[in-house]
Amino acid sequence: MGQILALDYGKVRCGLAATDDLQIIASGLETVPTKELMSFFKKYFSLNSVETLVVGQPVDLKGNLSEVEKDITAFIAQFSLEFPTISVERMDERFTSKMASFFISQSGKSKKSRQEKGLIDKVSATIILQNFLEVKQK
């Protein structure tokens, strides 16, 4: 069994989270500039066994896809060509940034670190992954 990774995709940077090899615990991994994602994955996959990438699906309150979805679709197509053995799943990412900001504020972090967008992206990816694991268990 390999890890599951989650991606909170953004035009500038992406938050990443990963499970352990038993797919039990979701943990924040890091934030990577979007233009460096493929090279990050090549290196990460050479060191770790990964079976699934969960990509957040940005929708608004009415269920409409956001404008970044076009970029995400292009990314998924490129990812699938580069890494055909790793399955790609989608997960609704509604409210994950707001939830991430709330959890960070409750953690006792300083106001400056709570506003760090990279940390919010990483925590958002962790929430996406945790939600995916919960849905998968049902």
Protein backbone atom coordinates (compact mmCIF):
# COMPACT_ATOMS: atom_id res chain seq x y z
CA MET A 1 0.00 0.00 0.00
CA GLY A 2 1.34 3.43 -0.90
CA GLN A 3 0.68 6.93 0.32
CA ILE A 4 -2.13 9.17 -0.79
CA LEU A 5 -1.17 12.76 -1.54
CA ALA A 6 -3.54 15.73 -1.60
CA LEU A 7 -3.06 18.90 -3.58
CA ASP A 8 -4.61 22.28 -2.90
CA TYR A 9 -3.90 23.76 -6.33
CA GLY A 10 -3.28 27.48 -6.78
CA LYS A 11 -2.05 29.61 -9.65
CA VAL A 12 1.04 30.69 -7.67
CA ARG A 13 1.62 27.95 -5.09
CA CYS A 14 0.15 24.61 -4.09
CA GLY A 15 -0.29 23.08 -0.68
CA LEU A 16 0.49 19.40 -0.31
CA ALA A 17 -0.42 16.80 2.30
CA ALA A 18 0.36 13.09 2.53
CA THR A 19 -0.81 10.03 4.38
CA ASP A 20 1.43 7.51 6.03
CA ASP A 21 2.00 4.28 4.07
CA LEU A 22 -1.00 2.65 5.80
CA GLN A 23 -3.24 5.55 4.70
CA ILE A 24 -4.41 6.30 8.23
CA ILE A 25 -3.05 9.75 9.10
CA ALA A 26 -3.12 12.91 6.95
CA SER A 27 -0.24 15.32 7.55
CA GLY A 28 0.77 18.59 5.92
CA LEU A 29 3.74 18.07 3.64
CA GLU A 30 4.81 21.41 2.21
CA THR A 31 3.97 24.29 -0.10
CA VAL A 32 5.46 24.23 -3.59
CA PRO A 33 5.45 26.94 -6.27
CA THR A 34 3.00 25.78 -8.96
CA LYS A 35 5.60 26.00 -11.73
CA GLU A 36 7.81 23.54 -9.77
CA LEU A 37 5.12 20.91 -9.08
CA MET A 38 6.20 18.33 -11.67
CA SER A 39 9.84 18.39 -10.59
CA PHE A 40 8.73 18.13 -6.95
CA PHE A 41 6.59 15.06 -7.79
CA LYS A 42 9.41 13.37 -9.72
CA LYS A 43 11.71 13.68 -6.75
CA TYR A 44 9.03 12.75 -4.19
CA PHE A 45 7.86 9.69 -6.13
CA SER A 46 11.45 8.45 -6.48
CA LEU A 47 11.69 8.36 -2.67
CA ASN A 48 8.12 7.36 -1.69
CA SER A 49 5.48 4.91 -2.82
CA VAL A 50 2.36 6.86 -3.82
CA GLU A 51 -0.77 5.31 -5.25
CA THR A 52 -3.22 8.22 -5.43
CA LEU A 53 -3.21 12.00 -5.84
CA VAL A 54 -6.33 13.77 -4.55
CA VAL A 55 -6.80 17.16 -6.17
CA GLY A 56 -9.10 19.69 -4.57
CA GLN A 57 -12.08 20.72 -6.68
CA PRO A 58 -12.86 24.41 -6.12
CA VAL A 59 -16.60 25.08 -6.16
CA ASP A 60 -18.66 28.00 -4.90
CA LEU A 61 -21.73 27.85 -2.67
CA LYS A 62 -23.96 27.18 -5.69
CA GLY A 63 -21.79 24.28 -6.83
CA ASN A 64 -20.22 26.14 -9.77
CA LEU A 65 -16.57 25.46 -10.56
CA SER A 66 -14.18 28.36 -10.03
CA GLU A 67 -12.07 29.82 -12.82
CA VAL A 68 -8.91 28.01 -11.64
CA GLU A 69 -10.56 24.69 -12.59
CA LYS A 70 -9.34 25.15 -16.18
CA ASP A 71 -5.74 25.26 -14.90
CA ILE A 72 -6.38 22.26 -12.64
CA THR A 73 -7.77 20.23 -15.54
CA ALA A 74 -4.66 21.00 -17.62
CA PHE A 75 -2.43 20.07 -14.67
CA ILE A 76 -4.25 16.73 -14.19
CA ALA A 77 -3.86 15.90 -17.89
CA GLN A 78 -0.11 16.60 -17.72
CA PHE A 79 0.23 14.71 -14.41
CA SER A 80 -1.56 11.66 -15.83
CA LEU A 81 0.80 11.59 -18.81
CA GLU A 82 3.92 11.90 -16.62
CA PHE A 83 2.74 9.51 -13.88
CA PRO A 84 0.25 7.06 -15.44
CA THR A 85 0.47 4.55 -12.56
CA ILE A 86 -0.79 7.06 -9.98
CA SER A 87 -4.56 7.47 -9.92
CA VAL A 88 -6.07 10.95 -9.64
CA GLU A 89 -9.18 11.59 -7.55
CA ARG A 90 -11.10 14.82 -6.99
CA MET A 91 -12.46 16.13 -3.69
CA ASP A 92 -14.68 19.12 -3.02
CA GLU A 93 -12.53 21.76 -1.34
CA ARG A 94 -15.30 24.16 -0.31
CA PHE A 95 -14.45 26.09 2.86
CA THR A 96 -11.05 24.42 3.33
CA SER A 97 -9.17 27.75 3.33
CA LYS A 98 -11.54 29.21 5.92
CA MET A 99 -11.28 26.04 8.02
CA ALA A 100 -7.48 26.11 7.71
CA SER A 101 -7.35 29.73 8.88
CA PHE A 102 -9.56 28.87 11.84
CA PHE A 103 -7.50 25.83 12.86
CA ILE A 104 -4.27 27.80 12.56
CA SER A 105 -5.70 30.60 14.71
CA GLN A 106 -6.68 28.05 17.36
CA SER A 107 -3.19 26.55 17.37
CA GLY A 108 -1.64 29.52 19.17
CA LYS A 109 0.47 30.62 16.20
CA SER A 110 1.39 34.29 15.98
CA LYS A 111 -0.77 36.56 13.84
CA LYS A 112 2.04 36.86 11.29
CA SER A 113 2.37 33.09 10.83
CA ARG A 114 -1.44 32.67 10.78
CA GLN A 115 -1.59 34.96 7.76
CA GLU A 116 1.17 33.12 5.88
CA LYS A 117 -0.58 31.90 2.73
CA GLY A 118 1.76 28.93 2.31
CA LEU A 119 0.76 27.58 5.71
CA ILE A 120 -2.93 28.02 4.87
CA ASP A 121 -2.41 26.12 1.58
CA LYS A 122 -0.64 23.25 3.36
CA VAL A 123 -3.33 22.98 6.04
CA SER A 124 -6.04 23.19 3.34
CA ALA A 125 -4.44 20.24 1.55
CA THR A 126 -4.43 18.34 4.84
CA ILE A 127 -8.15 19.01 5.30
CA ILE A 128 -8.87 17.87 1.72
CA LEU A 129 -6.93 14.66 2.40
CA GLN A 130 -8.62 14.03 5.74
CA ASN A 131 -12.04 14.51 4.12
CA PHE A 132 -11.05 12.09 1.35
CA LEU A 133 -9.95 9.47 3.89
CA GLU A 134 -13.25 9.81 5.77
CA VAL A 135 -15.31 9.41 2.58
CA LYS A 136 -13.16 6.45 1.51
CA GLN A 137 -13.84 4.61 4.81
CA LYS A 138 -17.63 4.72 4.33
